[in-house]
Amino acid sequence: MQSIFDTLVGFILTLLGLIVAAVTFVELLVRTALGSIGIHGPIQTILLVLLFVALVGLSLRVFGRLLAVLLTAAFLVYLLHALLGIPHTIPMQSIPQQDKTVSF
């Protein structure tokens, strides 16, 4: 159960990482293009903020359903995990304590 949950969380984080990488790539291209045509300072910042908002909206429209399905599956697995009462950790073999001293 834990491995299924970890896999779903991995998919979600990978998807978000790809989205962030794509937004960063587009932002750097546009920043370079704006700088090369002579747009700097606050005007460039305003244009980049508007571009960022548009890219986030576009990514949510494109990947929103996939992200919703992955989050729903992760929440269902977590709910089943909590309802079944499966322990979160596997008991480890205990090692007897030994007196150890470290001297410098």
PDB file of N, CA and C in Angstrom:
ATOM      1  N   MET A   1       0.823  -1.186   0.000  1.00  0.00           N
ATOM      2  CA  MET A   1       0.000   0.000   0.000  1.00  0.00           C
ATOM      3  C   MET A   1       0.868   1.250   0.000  1.00  0.00           C
ATOM      4  N   GLN A   2       1.923   1.210   0.796  1.00  0.00           N
ATOM      5  CA  GLN A   2       2.807   2.368   0.880  1.00  0.00           C
ATOM      6  C   GLN A   2       3.530   2.602  -0.441  1.00  0.00           C
ATOM      7  N   SER A   3       3.889   1.527  -1.122  1.00  0.00           N
ATOM      8  CA  SER A   3       4.595   1.697  -2.404  1.00  0.00           C
ATOM      9  C   SER A   3       3.668   2.283  -3.463  1.00  0.00           C
ATOM     10  N   ILE A   4       2.378   1.938  -3.424  1.00  0.00           N
ATOM     11  CA  ILE A   4       1.417   2.531  -4.361  1.00  0.00           C
ATOM     12  C   ILE A   4       1.295   4.025  -4.099  1.00  0.00           C
ATOM     13  N   PHE A   5       1.190   4.391  -2.835  1.00  0.00           N
ATOM     14  CA  PHE A   5       1.094   5.800  -2.460  1.00  0.00           C
ATOM     15  C   PHE A   5       2.363   6.556  -2.876  1.00  0.00           C
ATOM     16  N   ASP A   6       3.524   5.953  -2.622  1.00  0.00           N
ATOM     17  CA  ASP A   6       4.780   6.597  -2.999  1.00  0.00           C
ATOM     18  C   ASP A   6       4.888   6.768  -4.511  1.00  0.00           C
ATOM     19  N   THR A   7       4.408   5.784  -5.273  1.00  0.00           N
ATOM     20  CA  THR A   7       4.435   5.875  -6.730  1.00  0.00           C
ATOM     21  C   THR A   7       3.539   7.008  -7.216  1.00  0.00           C
ATOM     22  N   LEU A   8       2.333   7.121  -6.656  1.00  0.00           N
ATOM     23  CA  LEU A   8       1.423   8.201  -7.048  1.00  0.00           C
ATOM     24  C   LEU A   8       2.002   9.570  -6.706  1.00  0.00           C
ATOM     25  N   VAL A   9       2.590   9.690  -5.541  1.00  0.00           N
ATOM     26  CA  VAL A   9       3.215  10.960  -5.147  1.00  0.00           C
ATOM     27  C   VAL A   9       4.388  11.264  -6.075  1.00  0.00           C
ATOM     28  N   GLY A  10       5.132  10.233  -6.460  1.00  0.00           N
ATOM     29  CA  GLY A  10       6.226  10.426  -7.413  1.00  0.00           C
ATOM     30  C   GLY A  10       5.732  10.931  -8.753  1.00  0.00           C
ATOM     31  N   PHE A  11       4.609  10.365  -9.247  1.00  0.00           N
ATOM     32  CA  PHE A  11       4.027  10.836 -10.499  1.00  0.00           C
ATOM     33  C   PHE A  11       3.599  12.299 -10.393  1.00  0.00           C
ATOM     34  N   ILE A  12       2.968  12.654  -9.286  1.00  0.00           N
ATOM     35  CA  ILE A  12       2.505  14.030  -9.089  1.00  0.00           C
ATOM     36  C   ILE A  12       3.686  14.986  -9.063  1.00  0.00           C
ATOM     37  N   LEU A  13       4.729  14.641  -8.313  1.00  0.00           N
ATOM     38  CA  LEU A  13       5.893  15.518  -8.223  1.00  0.00           C
ATOM     39  C   LEU A  13       6.638  15.615  -9.550  1.00  0.00           C
ATOM     40  N   THR A  14       6.686  14.515 -10.296  1.00  0.00           N
ATOM     41  CA  THR A  14       7.322  14.556 -11.614  1.00  0.00           C
ATOM     42  C   THR A  14       6.547  15.454 -12.566  1.00  0.00           C
ATOM     43  N   LEU A  15       5.225  15.330 -12.548  1.00  0.00           N
ATOM     44  CA  LEU A  15       4.391  16.179 -13.398  1.00  0.00           C
ATOM     45  C   LEU A  15       4.574  17.651 -13.042  1.00  0.00           C
ATOM     46  N   LEU A  16       4.565  17.955 -11.765  1.00  0.00           N
ATOM     47  CA  LEU A  16       4.775  19.346 -11.341  1.00  0.00           C
ATOM     48  C   LEU A  16       6.177  19.837 -11.698  1.00  0.00           C
ATOM     49  N   GLY A  17       7.172  18.964 -11.588  1.00  0.00           N
ATOM     50  CA  GLY A  17       8.530  19.343 -11.973  1.00  0.00           C
ATOM     51  C   GLY A  17       8.643  19.650 -13.457  1.00  0.00           C
ATOM     52  N   LEU A  18       7.972  18.851 -14.285  1.00  0.00           N
ATOM     53  CA  LEU A  18       7.978  19.111 -15.726  1.00  0.00           C
ATOM     54  C   LEU A  18       7.286  20.430 -16.054  1.00  0.00           C
ATOM     55  N   ILE A  19       6.193  20.712 -15.373  1.00  0.00           N
ATOM     56  CA  ILE A  19       5.478  21.970 -15.606  1.00  0.00           C
ATOM     57  C   ILE A  19       6.353  23.157 -15.214  1.00  0.00           C
ATOM     58  N   VAL A  20       7.000  23.070 -14.063  1.00  0.00           N
ATOM     59  CA  VAL A  20       7.873  24.164 -13.611  1.00  0.00           C
ATOM     60  C   VAL A  20       9.051  24.345 -14.568  1.00  0.00           C
ATOM     61  N   ALA A  21       9.622  23.251 -15.050  1.00  0.00           N
ATOM     62  CA  ALA A  21      10.739  23.345 -15.992  1.00  0.00           C
ATOM     63  C   ALA A  21      10.301  24.006 -17.301  1.00  0.00           C
ATOM     64  N   ALA A  22       9.117  23.644 -17.794  1.00  0.00           N
ATOM     65  CA  ALA A  22       8.627  24.237 -19.040  1.00  0.00           C
ATOM     66  C   ALA A  22       8.335  25.726 -18.864  1.00  0.00           C
ATOM     67  N   VAL A  23       7.722  26.099 -17.753  1.00  0.00           N
ATOM     68  CA  VAL A  23       7.426  27.518 -17.495  1.00  0.00           C
ATOM     69  C   VAL A  23       8.723  28.310 -17.375  1.00  0.00           C
ATOM     70  N   THR A  24       9.707  27.756 -16.705  1.00  0.00           N
ATOM     71  CA  THR A  24      10.998  28.433 -16.561  1.00  0.00           C
ATOM     72  C   THR A  24      11.687  28.601 -17.912  1.00  0.00           C
ATOM     73  N   PHE A  25      11.642  27.568 -18.740  1.00  0.00           N
ATOM     74  CA  PHE A  25      12.261  27.630 -20.063  1.00  0.00           C
ATOM     75  C   PHE A  25      11.621  28.722 -20.919  1.00  0.00           C
ATOM     76  N   VAL A  26      10.292  28.761 -20.924  1.00  0.00           N
ATOM     77  CA  VAL A  26       9.583  29.784 -21.712  1.00  0.00           C
ATOM     78  C   VAL A  26       9.872  31.176 -21.156  1.00  0.00           C
ATOM     79  N   GLU A  27       9.905  31.299 -19.844  1.00  0.00           N
ATOM     80  CA  GLU A  27      10.167  32.603 -19.223  1.00  0.00           C
ATOM     81  C   GLU A  27      11.561  33.111 -19.571  1.00  0.00           C
ATOM     82  N   LEU A  28      12.552  32.241 -19.569  1.00  0.00           N
ATOM     83  CA  LEU A  28      13.905  32.663 -19.924  1.00  0.00           C
ATOM     84  C   LEU A  28      14.011  33.052 -21.394  1.00  0.00           C
ATOM     85  N   LEU A  29      13.321  32.318 -22.263  1.00  0.00           N
ATOM     86  CA  LEU A  29      13.320  32.688 -23.676  1.00  0.00           C
ATOM     87  C   LEU A  29      12.689  34.058 -23.897  1.00  0.00           C
ATOM     88  N   VAL A  30      11.562  34.288 -23.233  1.00  0.00           N
ATOM     89  CA  VAL A  30      10.876  35.566 -23.397  1.00  0.00           C
ATOM     90  C   VAL A  30      11.688  36.695 -22.774  1.00  0.00           C
ATOM     91  N   ARG A  31      12.313  36.440 -21.635  1.00  0.00           N
ATOM     92  CA  ARG A  31      13.153  37.471 -21.001  1.00  0.00           C
ATOM     93  C   ARG A  31      14.297  37.877 -21.922  1.00  0.00           C
ATOM     94  N   THR A  32      14.931  36.894 -22.558  1.00  0.00           N
ATOM     95  CA  THR A  32      16.014  37.177 -23.498  1.00  0.00           C
ATOM     96  C   THR A  32      15.504  37.955 -24.707  1.00  0.00           C
ATOM     97  N   ALA A  33      14.341  37.535 -25.227  1.00  0.00           N
ATOM     98  CA  ALA A  33      13.771  38.225 -26.393  1.00  0.00           C
ATOM     99  C   ALA A  33      13.395  39.662 -26.048  1.00  0.00           C
ATOM    100  N   LEU A  34      12.794  39.877 -24.879  1.00  0.00           N
ATOM    101  CA  LEU A  34      12.435  41.236 -24.477  1.00  0.00           C
ATOM    102  C   LEU A  34      13.675  42.104 -24.280  1.00  0.00           C
ATOM    103  N   GLY A  35      14.716  41.521 -23.708  1.00  0.00           N
ATOM    104  CA  GLY A  35      15.948  42.276 -23.514  1.00  0.00           C
ATOM    105  C   GLY A  35      16.618  42.634 -24.837  1.00  0.00           C
ATOM    106  N   SER A  36      16.508  41.735 -25.805  1.00  0.00           N
ATOM    107  CA  SER A  36      17.157  42.003 -27.086  1.00  0.00           C
ATOM    108  C   SER A  36      16.432  43.073 -27.897  1.00  0.00           C
ATOM    109  N   ILE A  37      15.131  43.249 -27.657  1.00  0.00           N
ATOM    110  CA  ILE A  37      14.417  44.307 -28.385  1.00  0.00           C
ATOM    111  C   ILE A  37      14.351  45.610 -27.593  1.00  0.00           C
ATOM    112  N   GLY A  38      14.969  45.620 -26.405  1.00  0.00           N
ATOM    113  CA  GLY A  38      15.095  46.873 -25.669  1.00  0.00           C
ATOM    114  C   GLY A  38      14.054  47.099 -24.586  1.00  0.00           C
ATOM    115  N   ILE A  39      13.324  46.094 -24.178  1.00  0.00           N
ATOM    116  CA  ILE A  39      12.337  46.258 -23.100  1.00  0.00           C
ATOM    117  C   ILE A  39      12.976  45.767 -21.807  1.00  0.00           C
ATOM    118  N   HIS A  40      13.187  46.678 -20.857  1.00  0.00           N
ATOM    119  CA  HIS A  40      13.843  46.362 -19.583  1.00  0.00           C
ATOM    120  C   HIS A  40      13.027  46.963 -18.440  1.00  0.00           C
ATOM    121  N   GLY A  41      13.425  46.630 -17.227  1.00  0.00           N
ATOM    122  CA  GLY A  41      12.865  47.249 -16.034  1.00  0.00           C
ATOM    123  C   GLY A  41      11.458  46.806 -15.701  1.00  0.00           C
ATOM    124  N   PRO A  42      10.638  47.742 -15.189  1.00  0.00           N
ATOM    125  CA  PRO A  42       9.300  47.401 -14.714  1.00  0.00           C
ATOM    126  C   PRO A  42       8.370  46.888 -15.822  1.00  0.00           C
ATOM    127  N   ILE A  43       8.549  47.400 -17.030  1.00  0.00           N
ATOM    128  CA  ILE A  43       7.682  46.943 -18.123  1.00  0.00           C
ATOM    129  C   ILE A  43       7.956  45.465 -18.411  1.00  0.00           C
ATOM    130  N   GLN A  44       9.233  45.081 -18.402  1.00  0.00           N
ATOM    131  CA  GLN A  44       9.577  43.680 -18.613  1.00  0.00           C
ATOM    132  C   GLN A  44       9.017  42.816 -17.492  1.00  0.00           C
ATOM    133  N   THR A  45       9.094  43.294 -16.258  1.00  0.00           N
ATOM    134  CA  THR A  45       8.568  42.542 -15.119  1.00  0.00           C
ATOM    135  C   THR A  45       7.062  42.347 -15.241  1.00  0.00           C
ATOM    136  N   ILE A  46       6.339  43.386 -15.612  1.00  0.00           N
ATOM    137  CA  ILE A  46       4.884  43.282 -15.771  1.00  0.00           C
ATOM    138  C   ILE A  46       4.536  42.286 -16.863  1.00  0.00           C
ATOM    139  N   LEU A  47       5.241  42.354 -17.990  1.00  0.00           N
ATOM    140  CA  LEU A  47       4.980  41.413 -19.083  1.00  0.00           C
ATOM    141  C   LEU A  47       5.289  39.976 -18.677  1.00  0.00           C
ATOM    142  N   LEU A  48       6.366  39.784 -17.912  1.00  0.00           N
ATOM    143  CA  LEU A  48       6.719  38.429 -17.466  1.00  0.00           C
ATOM    144  C   LEU A  48       5.730  37.890 -16.441  1.00  0.00           C
ATOM    145  N   VAL A  49       5.201  38.744 -15.586  1.00  0.00           N
ATOM    146  CA  VAL A  49       4.180  38.304 -14.627  1.00  0.00           C
ATOM    147  C   VAL A  49       2.908  37.890 -15.369  1.00  0.00           C
ATOM    148  N   LEU A  50       2.516  38.687 -16.370  1.00  0.00           N
ATOM    149  CA  LEU A  50       1.339  38.320 -17.171  1.00  0.00           C
ATOM    150  C   LEU A  50       1.569  37.007 -17.916  1.00  0.00           C
ATOM    151  N   LEU A  51       2.768  36.817 -18.452  1.00  0.00           N
ATOM    152  CA  LEU A  51       3.097  35.563 -19.124  1.00  0.00           C
ATOM    153  C   LEU A  51       3.057  34.395 -18.142  1.00  0.00           C
ATOM    154  N   PHE A  52       3.570  34.600 -16.931  1.00  0.00           N
ATOM    155  CA  PHE A  52       3.560  33.550 -15.914  1.00  0.00           C
ATOM    156  C   PHE A  52       2.138  33.130 -15.571  1.00  0.00           C
ATOM    157  N   VAL A  53       1.258  34.097 -15.364  1.00  0.00           N
ATOM    158  CA  VAL A  53      -0.138  33.794 -15.046  1.00  0.00           C
ATOM    159  C   VAL A  53      -0.786  33.024 -16.194  1.00  0.00           C
ATOM    160  N   ALA A  54      -0.500  33.437 -17.425  1.00  0.00           N
ATOM    161  CA  ALA A  54      -1.062  32.742 -18.592  1.00  0.00           C
ATOM    162  C   ALA A  54      -0.521  31.322 -18.692  1.00  0.00           C
ATOM    163  N   LEU A  55       0.768  31.118 -18.429  1.00  0.00           N
ATOM    164  CA  LEU A  55       1.345  29.775 -18.508  1.00  0.00           C
ATOM    165  C   LEU A  55       0.815  28.860 -17.412  1.00  0.00           C
ATOM    166  N   VAL A  56       0.617  29.394 -16.225  1.00  0.00           N
ATOM    167  CA  VAL A  56       0.048  28.584 -15.139  1.00  0.00           C
ATOM    168  C   VAL A  56      -1.388  28.195 -15.483  1.00  0.00           C
ATOM    169  N   GLY A  57      -2.158  29.144 -15.994  1.00  0.00           N
ATOM    170  CA  GLY A  57      -3.528  28.829 -16.413  1.00  0.00           C
ATOM    171  C   GLY A  57      -3.565  27.794 -17.519  1.00  0.00           C
ATOM    172  N   LEU A  58      -2.662  27.915 -18.485  1.00  0.00           N
ATOM    173  CA  LEU A  58      -2.597  26.952 -19.579  1.00  0.00           C
ATOM    174  C   LEU A  58      -2.197  25.565 -19.077  1.00  0.00           C
ATOM    175  N   SER A  59      -1.232  25.504 -18.186  1.00  0.00           N
ATOM    176  CA  SER A  59      -0.810  24.200 -17.667  1.00  0.00           C
ATOM    177  C   SER A  59      -1.910  23.544 -16.839  1.00  0.00           C
ATOM    178  N   LEU A  60      -2.687  24.339 -16.111  1.00  0.00           N
ATOM    179  CA  LEU A  60      -3.796  23.757 -15.358  1.00  0.00           C
ATOM    180  C   LEU A  60      -4.894  23.242 -16.292  1.00  0.00           C
ATOM    181  N   ARG A  61      -5.106  23.930 -17.409  1.00  0.00           N
ATOM    182  CA  ARG A  61      -6.097  23.446 -18.374  1.00  0.00           C
ATOM    183  C   ARG A  61      -5.624  22.178 -19.067  1.00  0.00           C
ATOM    184  N   VAL A  62      -4.334  22.111 -19.372  1.00  0.00           N
ATOM    185  CA  VAL A  62      -3.807  20.947 -20.077  1.00  0.00           C
ATOM    186  C   VAL A  62      -3.647  19.757 -19.137  1.00  0.00           C
ATOM    187  N   PHE A  63      -3.050  19.964 -17.973  1.00  0.00           N
ATOM    188  CA  PHE A  63      -2.739  18.868 -17.060  1.00  0.00           C
ATOM    189  C   PHE A  63      -3.675  18.798 -15.856  1.00  0.00           C
ATOM    190  N   GLY A  64      -4.690  19.627 -15.809  1.00  0.00           N
ATOM    191  CA  GLY A  64      -5.555  19.691 -14.631  1.00  0.00           C
ATOM    192  C   GLY A  64      -6.275  18.393 -14.337  1.00  0.00           C
ATOM    193  N   ARG A  65      -6.813  17.767 -15.367  1.00  0.00           N
ATOM    194  CA  ARG A  65      -7.556  16.520 -15.132  1.00  0.00           C
ATOM    195  C   ARG A  65      -6.625  15.396 -14.708  1.00  0.00           C
ATOM    196  N   LEU A  66      -5.458  15.310 -15.340  1.00  0.00           N
ATOM    197  CA  LEU A  66      -4.496  14.281 -14.953  1.00  0.00           C
ATOM    198  C   LEU A  66      -4.049  14.493 -13.513  1.00  0.00           C
ATOM    199  N   LEU A  67      -3.777  15.734 -13.151  1.00  0.00           N
ATOM    200  CA  LEU A  67      -3.373  16.045 -11.784  1.00  0.00           C
ATOM    201  C   LEU A  67      -4.496  15.721 -10.799  1.00  0.00           C
ATOM    202  N   ALA A  68      -5.735  16.025 -11.176  1.00  0.00           N
ATOM    203  CA  ALA A  68      -6.878  15.716 -10.307  1.00  0.00           C
ATOM    204  C   ALA A  68      -7.035  14.209 -10.122  1.00  0.00           C
ATOM    205  N   VAL A  69      -6.858  13.452 -11.186  1.00  0.00           N
ATOM    206  CA  VAL A  69      -6.964  11.985 -11.089  1.00  0.00           C
ATOM    207  C   VAL A  69      -5.855  11.440 -10.195  1.00  0.00           C
ATOM    208  N   LEU A  70      -4.639  11.923 -10.370  1.00  0.00           N
ATOM    209  CA  LEU A  70      -3.530  11.445  -9.542  1.00  0.00           C
ATOM    210  C   LEU A  70      -3.720  11.810  -8.077  1.00  0.00           C
ATOM    211  N   LEU A  71      -4.179  13.034  -7.814  1.00  0.00           N
ATOM    212  CA  LEU A  71      -4.423  13.434  -6.418  1.00  0.00           C
ATOM    213  C   LEU A  71      -5.557  12.631  -5.803  1.00  0.00           C
ATOM    214  N   THR A  72      -6.632  12.394  -6.569  1.00  0.00           N
ATOM    215  CA  THR A  72      -7.740  11.596  -6.053  1.00  0.00           C
ATOM    216  C   THR A  72      -7.290  10.179  -5.747  1.00  0.00           C
ATOM    217  N   ALA A  73      -6.507   9.577  -6.637  1.00  0.00           N
ATOM    218  CA  ALA A  73      -6.006   8.228  -6.386  1.00  0.00           C
ATOM    219  C   ALA A  73      -5.103   8.197  -5.157  1.00  0.00           C
ATOM    220  N   ALA A  74      -4.258   9.205  -5.003  1.00  0.00           N
ATOM    221  CA  ALA A  74      -3.377   9.253  -3.837  1.00  0.00           C
ATOM    222  C   ALA A  74      -4.183   9.399  -2.545  1.00  0.00           C
ATOM    223  N   PHE A  75      -5.222  10.238  -2.559  1.00  0.00           N
ATOM    224  CA  PHE A  75      -6.054  10.387  -1.370  1.00  0.00           C
ATOM    225  C   PHE A  75      -6.821   9.103  -1.055  1.00  0.00           C
ATOM    226  N   LEU A  76      -7.298   8.398  -2.069  1.00  0.00           N
ATOM    227  CA  LEU A  76      -7.998   7.133  -1.837  1.00  0.00           C
ATOM    228  C   LEU A  76      -7.062   6.076  -1.249  1.00  0.00           C
ATOM    229  N   VAL A  77      -5.863   5.983  -1.775  1.00  0.00           N
ATOM    230  CA  VAL A  77      -4.900   5.020  -1.233  1.00  0.00           C
ATOM    231  C   VAL A  77      -4.564   5.382   0.203  1.00  0.00           C
ATOM    232  N   TYR A  78      -4.377   6.669   0.489  1.00  0.00           N
ATOM    233  CA  TYR A  78      -4.083   7.090   1.856  1.00  0.00           C
ATOM    234  C   TYR A  78      -5.260   6.790   2.790  1.00  0.00           C
ATOM    235  N   LEU A  79      -6.493   7.000   2.299  1.00  0.00           N
ATOM    236  CA  LEU A  79      -7.677   6.699   3.101  1.00  0.00           C
ATOM    237  C   LEU A  79      -7.775   5.211   3.394  1.00  0.00           C
ATOM    238  N   LEU A  80      -7.561   4.370   2.389  1.00  0.00           N
ATOM    239  CA  LEU A  80      -7.575   2.925   2.612  1.00  0.00           C
ATOM    240  C   LEU A  80      -6.478   2.519   3.581  1.00  0.00           C
ATOM    241  N   HIS A  81      -5.342   3.127   3.442  1.00  0.00           N
ATOM    242  CA  HIS A  81      -4.226   2.839   4.343  1.00  0.00           C
ATOM    243  C   HIS A  81      -4.598   3.178   5.790  1.00  0.00           C
ATOM    244  N   ALA A  82      -5.266   4.309   5.965  1.00  0.00           N
ATOM    245  CA  ALA A  82      -5.666   4.728   7.315  1.00  0.00           C
ATOM    246  C   ALA A  82      -6.796   3.854   7.857  1.00  0.00           C
ATOM    247  N   LEU A  83      -7.763   3.477   7.002  1.00  0.00           N
ATOM    248  CA  LEU A  83      -8.898   2.678   7.456  1.00  0.00           C
ATOM    249  C   LEU A  83      -8.518   1.245   7.788  1.00  0.00           C
ATOM    250  N   LEU A  84      -7.596   0.672   7.037  1.00  0.00           N
ATOM    251  CA  LEU A  84      -7.205  -0.706   7.273  1.00  0.00           C
ATOM    252  C   LEU A  84      -6.288  -0.838   8.476  1.00  0.00           C
ATOM    253  N   GLY A  85      -5.716   0.253   8.910  1.00  0.00           N
ATOM    254  CA  GLY A  85      -4.872   0.235  10.098  1.00  0.00           C
ATOM    255  C   GLY A  85      -3.535  -0.433   9.881  1.00  0.00           C
ATOM    256  N   ILE A  86      -3.067  -0.439   8.669  1.00  0.00           N
ATOM    257  CA  ILE A  86      -1.762  -1.029   8.391  1.00  0.00           C
ATOM    258  C   ILE A  86      -0.703  -0.129   9.000  1.00  0.00           C
ATOM    259  N   PRO A  87       0.233  -0.712   9.746  1.00  0.00           N
ATOM    260  CA  PRO A  87       1.251   0.150  10.365  1.00  0.00           C
ATOM    261  C   PRO A  87       2.098   0.857   9.314  1.00  0.00           C
ATOM    262  N   HIS A  88       2.517   2.041   9.647  1.00  0.00           N
ATOM    263  CA  HIS A  88       3.299   2.852   8.718  1.00  0.00           C
ATOM    264  C   HIS A  88       4.737   2.382   8.618  1.00  0.00           C
ATOM    265  N   THR A  89       5.212   1.686   9.632  1.00  0.00           N
ATOM    266  CA  THR A  89       6.593   1.231   9.608  1.00  0.00           C
ATOM    267  C   THR A  89       6.637  -0.269   9.828  1.00  0.00           C
ATOM    268  N   ILE A  90       7.623  -0.876   9.290  1.00  0.00           N
ATOM    269  CA  ILE A  90       7.849  -2.304   9.487  1.00  0.00           C
ATOM    270  C   ILE A  90       8.757  -2.446  10.699  1.00  0.00           C
ATOM    271  N   PRO A  91       8.384  -3.326  11.645  1.00  0.00           N
ATOM    272  CA  PRO A  91       9.231  -3.467  12.829  1.00  0.00           C
ATOM    273  C   PRO A  91      10.628  -3.955  12.445  1.00  0.00           C
ATOM    274  N   MET A  92      11.606  -3.325  13.005  1.00  0.00           N
ATOM    275  CA  MET A  92      12.999  -3.672  12.733  1.00  0.00           C
ATOM    276  C   MET A  92      13.527  -4.530  13.871  1.00  0.00           C
ATOM    277  N   GLN A  93      14.484  -5.355  13.534  1.00  0.00           N
ATOM    278  CA  GLN A  93      15.123  -6.170  14.546  1.00  0.00           C
ATOM    279  C   GLN A  93      15.941  -5.259  15.450  1.00  0.00           C
ATOM    280  N   SER A  94      15.731  -5.379  16.735  1.00  0.00           N
ATOM    281  CA  SER A  94      16.444  -4.485  17.653  1.00  0.00           C
ATOM    282  C   SER A  94      17.855  -4.999  17.898  1.00  0.00           C
ATOM    283  N   ILE A  95      18.764  -4.071  17.991  1.00  0.00           N
ATOM    284  CA  ILE A  95      20.166  -4.386  18.254  1.00  0.00           C
ATOM    285  C   ILE A  95      20.454  -3.975  19.689  1.00  0.00           C
ATOM    286  N   PRO A  96      21.006  -4.893  20.477  1.00  0.00           N
ATOM    287  CA  PRO A  96      21.269  -4.533  21.881  1.00  0.00           C
ATOM    288  C   PRO A  96      22.273  -3.386  21.970  1.00  0.00           C
ATOM    289  N   GLN A  97      22.006  -2.515  22.941  1.00  0.00           N
ATOM    290  CA  GLN A  97      22.875  -1.362  23.161  1.00  0.00           C
ATOM    291  C   GLN A  97      24.196  -1.824  23.760  1.00  0.00           C
ATOM    292  N   GLN A  98      25.272  -1.285  23.238  1.00  0.00           N
ATOM    293  CA  GLN A  98      26.587  -1.578  23.784  1.00  0.00           C
ATOM    294  C   GLN A  98      27.216  -0.266  24.205  1.00  0.00           C
ATOM    295  N   ASP A  99      27.957  -0.342  25.268  1.00  0.00           N
ATOM    296  CA  ASP A  99      28.645   0.862  25.726  1.00  0.00           C
ATOM    297  C   ASP A  99      29.826   1.124  24.805  1.00  0.00           C
ATOM    298  N   LYS A 100      29.773   2.222  24.132  1.00  0.00           N
ATOM    299  CA  LYS A 100      30.849   2.606  23.233  1.00  0.00           C
ATOM    300  C   LYS A 100      31.297   4.010  23.631  1.00  0.00           C
ATOM    301  N   THR A 101      32.568   4.162  23.706  1.00  0.00           N
ATOM    302  CA  THR A 101      33.107   5.481  23.999  1.00  0.00           C
ATOM    303  C   THR A 101      33.942   5.949  22.828  1.00  0.00           C
ATOM    304  N   VAL A 102      33.879   7.222  22.604  1.00  0.00           N
ATOM    305  CA  VAL A 102      34.690   7.819  21.550  1.00  0.00           C
ATOM    306  C   VAL A 102      35.617   8.807  22.200  1.00  0.00           C
ATOM    307  N   SER A 103      36.898   8.624  21.955  1.00  0.00           N
ATOM    308  CA  SER A 103      37.861   9.561  22.514  1.00  0.00           C
ATOM    309  C   SER A 103      38.637  10.210  21.392  1.00  0.00           C
ATOM    310  N   PHE A 104      38.954  11.455  21.611  1.00  0.00           N
ATOM    311  CA  PHE A 104      39.701  12.221  20.615  1.00  0.00           C
ATOM    312  C   PHE A 104      41.094  12.487  21.086  1.00  0.00           C
TER     313      PHE A 104
END
